[in-house]
């Protein structure tokens, strides 16, 4: 779990030219929050706008998908 905002810098030597094609995040301001019967969709995967340098939000889980050219 990320506890502060971070800029991601990925170095994947040996894979050639890579392009970020998808970034999704699970996030809530409350680190112990969860889905309940009353709020079943409080925390759901959300698409994130693709950026040159992705920002990882605190208290988040991130998924990145890359295309190898």
C-alpha atoms as a PDB file:
ATOM      1  CA  UNK A   1       0.000   0.000   0.000  1.00  0.00           C
ATOM      2  CA  UNK A   2       1.351   3.412  -0.953  1.00  0.00           C
ATOM      3  CA  UNK A   3       1.364   5.772   2.060  1.00  0.00           C
ATOM      4  CA  UNK A   4       2.413   8.972   0.266  1.00  0.00           C
ATOM      5  CA  UNK A   5       1.979  10.287  -3.275  1.00  0.00           C
ATOM      6  CA  UNK A   6       4.741   8.883  -5.480  1.00  0.00           C
ATOM      7  CA  UNK A   7       5.853   9.349  -9.063  1.00  0.00           C
ATOM      8  CA  UNK A   8       6.413   6.014 -10.748  1.00  0.00           C
ATOM      9  CA  UNK A   9       9.683   5.479 -12.624  1.00  0.00           C
ATOM     10  CA  UNK A  10       9.750   2.034 -14.240  1.00  0.00           C
ATOM     11  CA  UNK A  11      12.936   0.721 -15.792  1.00  0.00           C
ATOM     12  CA  UNK A  12      12.397  -2.601 -17.540  1.00  0.00           C
ATOM     13  CA  UNK A  13      15.676  -3.381 -19.281  1.00  0.00           C
ATOM     14  CA  UNK A  14      15.454  -6.094 -21.894  1.00  0.00           C
ATOM     15  CA  UNK A  15      11.829  -5.503 -22.872  1.00  0.00           C
ATOM     16  CA  UNK A  16      12.541  -2.943 -25.570  1.00  0.00           C
ATOM     17  CA  UNK A  17      10.210  -0.006 -26.184  1.00  0.00           C
ATOM     18  CA  UNK A  18       7.196  -0.177 -23.848  1.00  0.00           C
ATOM     19  CA  UNK A  19       4.029   1.912 -23.930  1.00  0.00           C
ATOM     20  CA  UNK A  20       1.644   2.330 -20.992  1.00  0.00           C
ATOM     21  CA  UNK A  21      -1.814   1.502 -22.341  1.00  0.00           C
ATOM     22  CA  UNK A  22      -3.891   1.176 -19.154  1.00  0.00           C
ATOM     23  CA  UNK A  23      -3.754   2.414 -15.545  1.00  0.00           C
ATOM     24  CA  UNK A  24      -6.430   1.444 -13.027  1.00  0.00           C
ATOM     25  CA  UNK A  25      -6.636   2.247  -9.325  1.00  0.00           C
ATOM     26  CA  UNK A  26      -8.502   1.143  -6.209  1.00  0.00           C
ATOM     27  CA  UNK A  27      -8.594   4.098  -3.830  1.00  0.00           C
ATOM     28  CA  UNK A  28     -10.343   5.585  -0.826  1.00  0.00           C
ATOM     29  CA  UNK A  29      -9.232   8.383   1.522  1.00  0.00           C
ATOM     30  CA  UNK A  30      -9.792   6.042   4.451  1.00  0.00           C
ATOM     31  CA  UNK A  31      -7.103   3.308   4.451  1.00  0.00           C
ATOM     32  CA  UNK A  32      -9.327   0.814   6.316  1.00  0.00           C
ATOM     33  CA  UNK A  33     -12.420   1.443   4.180  1.00  0.00           C
ATOM     34  CA  UNK A  34     -14.121  -1.421   2.421  1.00  0.00           C
ATOM     35  CA  UNK A  35     -17.251  -2.346   0.564  1.00  0.00           C
ATOM     36  CA  UNK A  36     -20.291  -3.211   2.677  1.00  0.00           C
ATOM     37  CA  UNK A  37     -23.881  -4.314   2.071  1.00  0.00           C
ATOM     38  CA  UNK A  38     -24.898  -0.667   2.520  1.00  0.00           C
ATOM     39  CA  UNK A  39     -22.141   0.639   0.182  1.00  0.00           C
ATOM     40  CA  UNK A  40     -21.260  -2.268  -2.134  1.00  0.00           C
ATOM     41  CA  UNK A  41     -19.432  -0.038  -4.632  1.00  0.00           C
ATOM     42  CA  UNK A  42     -17.571   2.314  -2.297  1.00  0.00           C
ATOM     43  CA  UNK A  43     -14.239   1.063  -3.629  1.00  0.00           C
ATOM     44  CA  UNK A  44     -14.217  -0.127  -7.235  1.00  0.00           C
ATOM     45  CA  UNK A  45     -11.546  -0.132  -9.957  1.00  0.00           C
ATOM     46  CA  UNK A  46     -11.347   3.221 -11.737  1.00  0.00           C
ATOM     47  CA  UNK A  47      -9.596   4.111 -14.976  1.00  0.00           C
ATOM     48  CA  UNK A  48      -6.861   6.711 -14.619  1.00  0.00           C
ATOM     49  CA  UNK A  49      -5.811   9.067 -17.395  1.00  0.00           C
ATOM     50  CA  UNK A  50      -2.502   7.847 -18.791  1.00  0.00           C
ATOM     51  CA  UNK A  51       0.355  10.194 -17.958  1.00  0.00           C
ATOM     52  CA  UNK A  52       4.015  10.374 -18.944  1.00  0.00           C
ATOM     53  CA  UNK A  53       4.925   9.912 -15.265  1.00  0.00           C
ATOM     54  CA  UNK A  54       2.114   8.103 -13.420  1.00  0.00           C
ATOM     55  CA  UNK A  55       1.314   9.313  -9.905  1.00  0.00           C
ATOM     56  CA  UNK A  56       0.529   6.694  -7.274  1.00  0.00           C
ATOM     57  CA  UNK A  57      -1.970   8.007  -4.714  1.00  0.00           C
ATOM     58  CA  UNK A  58      -1.558   7.195  -1.046  1.00  0.00           C
ATOM     59  CA  UNK A  59      -3.635   4.278   0.265  1.00  0.00           C
ATOM     60  CA  UNK A  60      -4.055   2.918  -3.250  1.00  0.00           C
ATOM     61  CA  UNK A  61      -3.627  -0.268  -5.240  1.00  0.00           C
ATOM     62  CA  UNK A  62      -2.584   0.298  -8.862  1.00  0.00           C
ATOM     63  CA  UNK A  63      -2.602  -1.879 -11.958  1.00  0.00           C
ATOM     64  CA  UNK A  64      -0.587  -0.967 -15.057  1.00  0.00           C
ATOM     65  CA  UNK A  65      -0.770  -2.630 -18.457  1.00  0.00           C
ATOM     66  CA  UNK A  66       2.002  -2.106 -20.984  1.00  0.00           C
ATOM     67  CA  UNK A  67       2.355  -2.885 -24.666  1.00  0.00           C
ATOM     68  CA  UNK A  68       5.790  -4.007 -25.836  1.00  0.00           C
ATOM     69  CA  UNK A  69       6.500  -2.555 -29.279  1.00  0.00           C
END
